[in-house]
Structure formats: structure tokens, C-alpha cells
Amino acid sequence: MNDNDTKRLSRLTAILTILQTKRLLTASELADKFSVSNRTIYRDIKALEQAGVPILTEDGKGYTLMEGYRIPPVMFTESEANALITAEQLILKNKDASFIKEYTEAINKIKSVLRNNTKDKANLLSNRIVFRQNADNDRTSNYLSTLQLALTNFNLTKIKYHSPDTNQTTERTIEPFAIYSTQENWVLIAFCRLRKDFRAFRLDRIISLNILIDTFEPHKMSLQEYFEICKEKYFSAPLT
């Protein structure tokens, strides 16, 4: 596959995605977006039609997908859509700003594949659900999404951490291991190279964070095994 074929395949995929998010698109709008001619868009639309994509042409208005058509396997029932909308309202009350941002972008993509009548009902539901926790919409941390990537990619992480118990701020290099949530805050479990042991760090007490290029060897134990060790060693919550 040459470079032109790769670009065209990418453009065809993008056109199909855009058609799922908007009801009507003109050839001129698509041409401007991809910096190609109208004639090229006509050929692209024809190629998608020949591939079995049900594109409808409304004279003088533009192109639209046949109602109900979605790229498989992303199909949601009304109840599934309602569950996602309910989760969205709960997550909007979360105190980590990065988590809210990433989920909002993800849910917007999900909404784009809903049928129009389901989408309208989902939007109605989102305006009729309220979670009263965190009524002031406080945002106390902005590190959850970054730490999730560090955890799954085994990246060493350098943090500046404030402990109110000792009123000290320390710099540490840590190996992210797991993340759990309390009612008020997210907590990171990590192996601390400063203390040479596992520690729990509240995200709202992390002053700064830097993901390093260097990686570490994954820890062999499971999260449940970690909690069992903590229970035997401390008979209480993990040390902070």
C-alpha cells in the first residue's frame, strides 16, 4: 500500500466517523476539512457506498447515514445508554480533573454512535439526574489519567509529596502499582524508592508529578495479596 492509498483509507475512515456524529454533511464541507477537491469526495462517497455503507443523499443539503446504521460492534440499547449517562453524572462529581476530562471525551464519542431517538432520550436523562455529593464541584487533583498510564506502562514516576501529619514535603521516585478510591480522594499505591517499601499516596497531596522514560520490573503480587500483607503487618489502612 503506497502513501496515497494510506491517506485515502484514513480519509474514508474519518468521513465515516464524521457522518456518524452529524446528520448532514455537504461535499464542500468534507473537501475543506480534508483539503481535497469536491470530485475526490464524490469518489470517496461512492467507494463507501460500494463497500456497503448506506449513505443517503439529500438534494441541496448533503450526505447522511441511514437511520440506525452504526459501525459494528458499537451498538447500544436504550438501557445501556442510560447506564452510561448515569455514570457520566456521577463522574462529573469526581474530584480529579483529568478523570473528568478523559471520561467526558470518551462519552462524547459514545454519544455519537447512538441512534437519534436514543440520543435525545439520553440527553433528557442527563438533565434529570443529580448526584448531591461534592455539591461545590471541588477539584482537588489532576493526576489520575497520567498515573494510570504510568501504571500500565511501568514507568518510574517522580513526585513531590506533602504529608500533613509531619508537615513535610519530600521528593520521591516511585513505581506505581495500583489505584483505589475513597469517598473523597483517589489513592495511589506505589513502591517508594526513598522508603524502600510500598506506600499509599493521596493524589490531592501530590504537589507535582513527572513521568520518567525509565521503566521498572512489574511487581509479581496481586492487589489482593498487597492488602493481605497490609492487614497482617499493620491491622489497618496502608501507611501514607
Protein backbone atom coordinates (compact mmCIF):
# COMPACT_ATOMS: atom_id res chain seq x y z
CA MET A 1 0.00 0.00 0.00
CA ASN A 2 1.52 3.30 -1.11
CA ASP A 3 1.27 6.63 0.66
CA ASN A 4 -1.72 7.79 -1.39
CA ASP A 5 -3.65 4.60 -0.58
CA THR A 6 -2.87 5.04 3.13
CA LYS A 7 -4.09 8.64 3.08
CA ARG A 8 -7.27 7.67 1.28
CA LEU A 9 -8.02 4.82 3.69
CA SER A 10 -7.51 7.20 6.60
CA ARG A 11 -9.79 9.77 4.96
CA LEU A 12 -12.54 7.20 4.25
CA THR A 13 -12.47 6.11 7.89
CA ALA A 14 -12.63 9.70 9.06
CA ILE A 15 -15.54 10.52 6.74
CA LEU A 16 -17.48 7.55 8.08
CA THR A 17 -16.83 8.65 11.66
CA ILE A 18 -17.92 12.22 10.93
CA LEU A 19 -21.09 11.02 9.22
CA GLN A 20 -22.00 9.25 12.47
CA THR A 21 -21.65 12.43 14.50
CA LYS A 22 -23.56 14.83 12.23
CA ARG A 23 -26.90 14.44 10.49
CA LEU A 24 -25.93 16.20 7.27
CA LEU A 25 -22.61 16.98 5.59
CA THR A 26 -22.00 18.59 2.23
CA ALA A 27 -19.25 17.61 -0.19
CA SER A 28 -17.78 21.10 0.17
CA GLU A 29 -17.56 20.78 3.95
CA LEU A 30 -15.76 17.47 3.64
CA ALA A 31 -13.47 18.78 0.90
CA ASP A 32 -12.47 21.75 3.04
CA LYS A 33 -11.85 19.57 6.08
CA PHE A 34 -9.53 17.18 4.23
CA SER A 35 -8.04 19.72 1.82
CA VAL A 36 -9.14 17.82 -1.27
CA SER A 37 -11.43 18.59 -4.20
CA ASN A 38 -15.19 18.01 -4.29
CA ARG A 39 -14.57 15.45 -7.03
CA THR A 40 -12.35 13.47 -4.64
CA ILE A 41 -15.11 13.48 -2.01
CA TYR A 42 -17.60 12.23 -4.62
CA ARG A 43 -15.27 9.30 -5.34
CA ASP A 44 -14.84 8.64 -1.59
CA ILE A 45 -18.59 8.59 -1.00
CA LYS A 46 -19.04 6.21 -3.93
CA ALA A 47 -16.32 3.93 -2.52
CA LEU A 48 -18.07 3.82 0.86
CA GLU A 49 -21.39 3.03 -0.82
CA GLN A 50 -19.78 0.20 -2.80
CA ALA A 51 -18.42 -1.14 0.50
CA GLY A 52 -21.97 -1.42 1.79
CA VAL A 53 -22.25 1.77 3.83
CA PRO A 54 -25.85 3.08 3.44
CA ILE A 55 -25.19 6.76 2.65
CA LEU A 56 -28.24 8.80 1.66
CA THR A 57 -28.04 11.92 -0.50
CA GLU A 58 -30.47 14.75 0.18
CA ASP A 59 -30.58 17.08 -2.82
CA GLY A 60 -29.24 20.50 -1.98
CA LYS A 61 -28.47 19.50 1.61
CA GLY A 62 -25.75 16.88 1.65
CA TYR A 63 -24.98 13.35 2.82
CA THR A 64 -26.31 11.44 5.78
CA LEU A 65 -26.20 7.87 7.06
CA MET A 66 -29.32 5.74 7.01
CA GLU A 67 -31.00 5.90 10.42
CA GLY A 68 -29.93 3.01 12.63
CA TYR A 69 -26.68 2.25 10.81
CA ARG A 70 -23.61 2.19 13.03
CA ILE A 71 -20.15 0.70 12.69
CA PRO A 72 -20.32 -2.71 14.39
CA PRO A 73 -19.81 -3.77 17.13
CA VAL A 74 -20.61 -0.44 18.80
CA MET A 75 -24.38 -0.70 19.27
CA PHE A 76 -26.12 0.35 22.49
CA THR A 77 -29.60 -0.37 23.76
CA GLU A 78 -31.53 2.43 25.45
CA SER A 79 -30.89 0.87 28.87
CA GLU A 80 -27.14 0.63 28.16
CA ALA A 81 -27.11 4.27 27.06
CA ASN A 82 -28.95 5.25 30.25
CA ALA A 83 -26.37 3.42 32.36
CA LEU A 84 -23.56 5.34 30.64
CA ILE A 85 -25.35 8.68 31.11
CA THR A 86 -25.93 7.91 34.79
CA ALA A 87 -22.25 7.06 35.22
CA GLU A 88 -21.36 10.32 33.48
CA GLN A 89 -23.29 12.39 36.02
CA LEU A 90 -21.59 10.56 38.88
CA ILE A 91 -18.13 11.02 37.38
CA LEU A 92 -18.73 14.75 36.91
CA LYS A 93 -18.74 14.94 40.73
CA ASN A 94 -15.32 13.32 40.93
CA LYS A 95 -12.52 15.41 42.43
CA ASP A 96 -9.86 14.52 39.85
CA ALA A 97 -10.00 16.92 36.89
CA SER A 98 -8.08 14.66 34.48
CA PHE A 99 -10.50 11.78 35.06
CA ILE A 100 -13.47 14.03 34.26
CA LYS A 101 -11.81 15.33 31.09
CA GLU A 102 -10.98 11.88 29.73
CA TYR A 103 -14.39 10.41 30.55
CA THR A 104 -16.21 13.38 29.02
CA GLU A 105 -14.29 12.97 25.76
CA ALA A 106 -15.00 9.22 25.78
CA ILE A 107 -18.72 9.64 26.47
CA ASN A 108 -18.99 12.20 23.67
CA LYS A 109 -17.63 9.59 21.25
CA ILE A 110 -20.11 7.05 22.59
CA LYS A 111 -23.00 9.50 22.20
CA SER A 112 -22.04 9.98 18.57
CA VAL A 113 -22.95 6.36 17.76
CA LEU A 114 -26.36 6.41 19.44
CA ARG A 115 -29.48 6.41 17.31
CA ASN A 116 -31.04 9.86 17.13
CA ASN A 117 -34.07 8.99 19.26
CA THR A 118 -31.86 7.25 21.86
CA LYS A 119 -29.51 10.24 21.84
CA ASP A 120 -32.41 12.61 22.56
CA LYS A 121 -33.59 10.44 25.44
CA ALA A 122 -30.04 10.20 26.83
CA ASN A 123 -29.70 13.99 26.77
CA LEU A 124 -33.05 14.30 28.57
CA LEU A 125 -31.94 11.83 31.22
CA SER A 126 -28.66 13.67 31.80
CA ASN A 127 -30.67 16.78 32.70
CA ARG A 128 -32.88 14.85 35.12
CA ILE A 129 -30.20 13.10 37.23
CA VAL A 130 -28.39 14.79 40.10
CA PHE A 131 -25.78 13.43 42.49
CA ARG A 132 -25.58 15.62 45.57
CA GLN A 133 -22.12 14.55 46.67
CA ASN A 134 -19.37 17.13 46.15
CA ALA A 135 -22.02 19.81 45.66
CA ASP A 136 -19.38 22.51 45.18
CA ASN A 137 -17.70 20.53 42.35
CA ASP A 138 -14.30 20.75 44.05
CA ARG A 139 -11.31 19.56 42.01
CA THR A 140 -8.51 18.51 44.34
CA SER A 141 -6.23 16.61 41.93
CA ASN A 142 -5.37 16.39 38.25
CA TYR A 143 -3.12 13.34 38.09
CA LEU A 144 -5.31 10.25 37.80
CA SER A 145 -5.16 9.85 34.00
CA THR A 146 -1.39 10.36 33.92
CA LEU A 147 -0.81 7.89 36.74
CA GLN A 148 -2.99 5.29 35.04
CA LEU A 149 -0.68 5.42 32.01
CA ALA A 150 2.41 5.20 34.22
CA LEU A 151 0.91 2.19 35.99
CA THR A 152 0.03 0.24 32.85
CA ASN A 153 3.30 1.09 31.07
CA PHE A 154 5.51 0.51 34.14
CA ASN A 155 7.09 3.97 34.04
CA LEU A 156 9.03 5.27 37.01
CA THR A 157 7.41 8.42 38.35
CA LYS A 158 8.92 11.30 40.28
CA ILE A 159 6.63 13.16 42.65
CA LYS A 160 6.81 15.96 45.16
CA TYR A 161 4.56 14.90 48.04
CA HIS A 162 3.28 16.78 51.07
CA SER A 163 2.43 14.89 54.26
CA PRO A 164 0.25 16.97 56.60
CA ASP A 165 0.98 14.61 59.51
CA THR A 166 4.63 15.67 59.59
CA ASN A 167 4.13 18.91 57.63
CA GLN A 168 6.97 17.84 55.34
CA THR A 169 7.31 17.88 51.58
CA THR A 170 9.56 15.23 50.04
CA GLU A 171 10.64 14.28 46.53
CA ARG A 172 10.32 10.61 45.71
CA THR A 173 10.78 8.23 42.82
CA ILE A 174 8.00 5.67 42.85
CA GLU A 175 6.82 2.58 40.98
CA PRO A 176 3.02 2.87 40.51
CA PHE A 177 1.29 -0.37 41.48
CA ALA A 178 -2.44 0.21 41.97
CA ILE A 179 -5.07 2.91 42.42
CA TYR A 180 -8.14 2.91 44.62
CA SER A 181 -10.81 5.42 45.51
CA THR A 182 -12.12 6.56 48.87
CA GLN A 183 -15.26 8.64 49.26
CA GLU A 184 -13.24 11.83 49.00
CA ASN A 185 -9.95 11.11 47.23
CA TRP A 186 -8.03 8.85 44.89
CA VAL A 187 -5.11 6.97 46.42
CA LEU A 188 -2.05 5.61 44.60
CA ILE A 189 -0.26 2.54 45.92
CA ALA A 190 3.35 2.54 44.79
CA PHE A 191 6.75 1.19 45.74
CA CYS A 192 8.67 4.16 47.10
CA ARG A 193 12.40 4.04 46.38
CA LEU A 194 13.01 6.61 49.11
CA ARG A 195 11.36 4.47 51.82
CA LYS A 196 12.25 1.17 50.09
CA ASP A 197 8.74 -0.13 50.69
CA PHE A 198 5.19 0.23 49.43
CA ARG A 199 3.35 3.38 50.41
CA ALA A 200 -0.06 4.92 49.70
CA PHE A 201 -0.18 8.46 48.30
CA ARG A 202 -3.31 10.59 48.23
CA LEU A 203 -3.48 12.32 44.85
CA ASP A 204 -4.65 15.59 46.39
CA ARG A 205 -1.36 15.75 48.33
CA ILE A 206 0.85 15.38 45.26
CA ILE A 207 2.28 18.82 44.51
CA SER A 208 3.98 17.94 41.24
CA LEU A 209 4.45 14.83 39.12
CA ASN A 210 6.77 13.80 36.30
CA ILE A 211 6.55 10.53 34.37
CA LEU A 212 10.04 9.26 33.57
CA ILE A 213 11.17 7.42 30.46
CA ASP A 214 12.80 4.76 32.64
CA THR A 215 10.70 1.68 33.41
CA PHE A 216 10.64 -0.79 36.28
CA GLU A 217 10.04 -4.52 36.58
CA PRO A 218 6.37 -5.31 37.19
CA HIS A 219 5.59 -6.45 40.73
CA LYS A 220 4.53 -10.09 40.89
CA MET A 221 1.96 -9.87 43.67
CA SER A 222 -1.72 -9.07 43.11
CA LEU A 223 -3.57 -6.15 44.66
CA GLN A 224 -5.45 -8.55 46.96
CA GLU A 225 -2.15 -10.01 48.15
CA TYR A 226 -0.93 -6.48 48.88
CA PHE A 227 -3.96 -5.76 51.05
CA GLU A 228 -3.48 -9.06 52.89
CA ILE A 229 0.13 -8.11 53.64
CA CYS A 230 -1.03 -4.71 54.92
CA LYS A 231 -3.65 -6.36 57.10
CA GLU A 232 -1.13 -8.71 58.65
CA LYS A 233 1.53 -6.03 59.10
CA TYR A 234 -0.47 -3.05 60.26
CA PHE A 235 -4.00 -4.28 61.06
CA SER A 236 -5.21 -1.01 59.49
CA ALA A 237 -5.10 1.01 56.28
CA PRO A 238 -1.82 1.29 54.30
CA LEU A 239 0.71 3.81 55.53
CA THR A 240 0.73 7.25 53.91
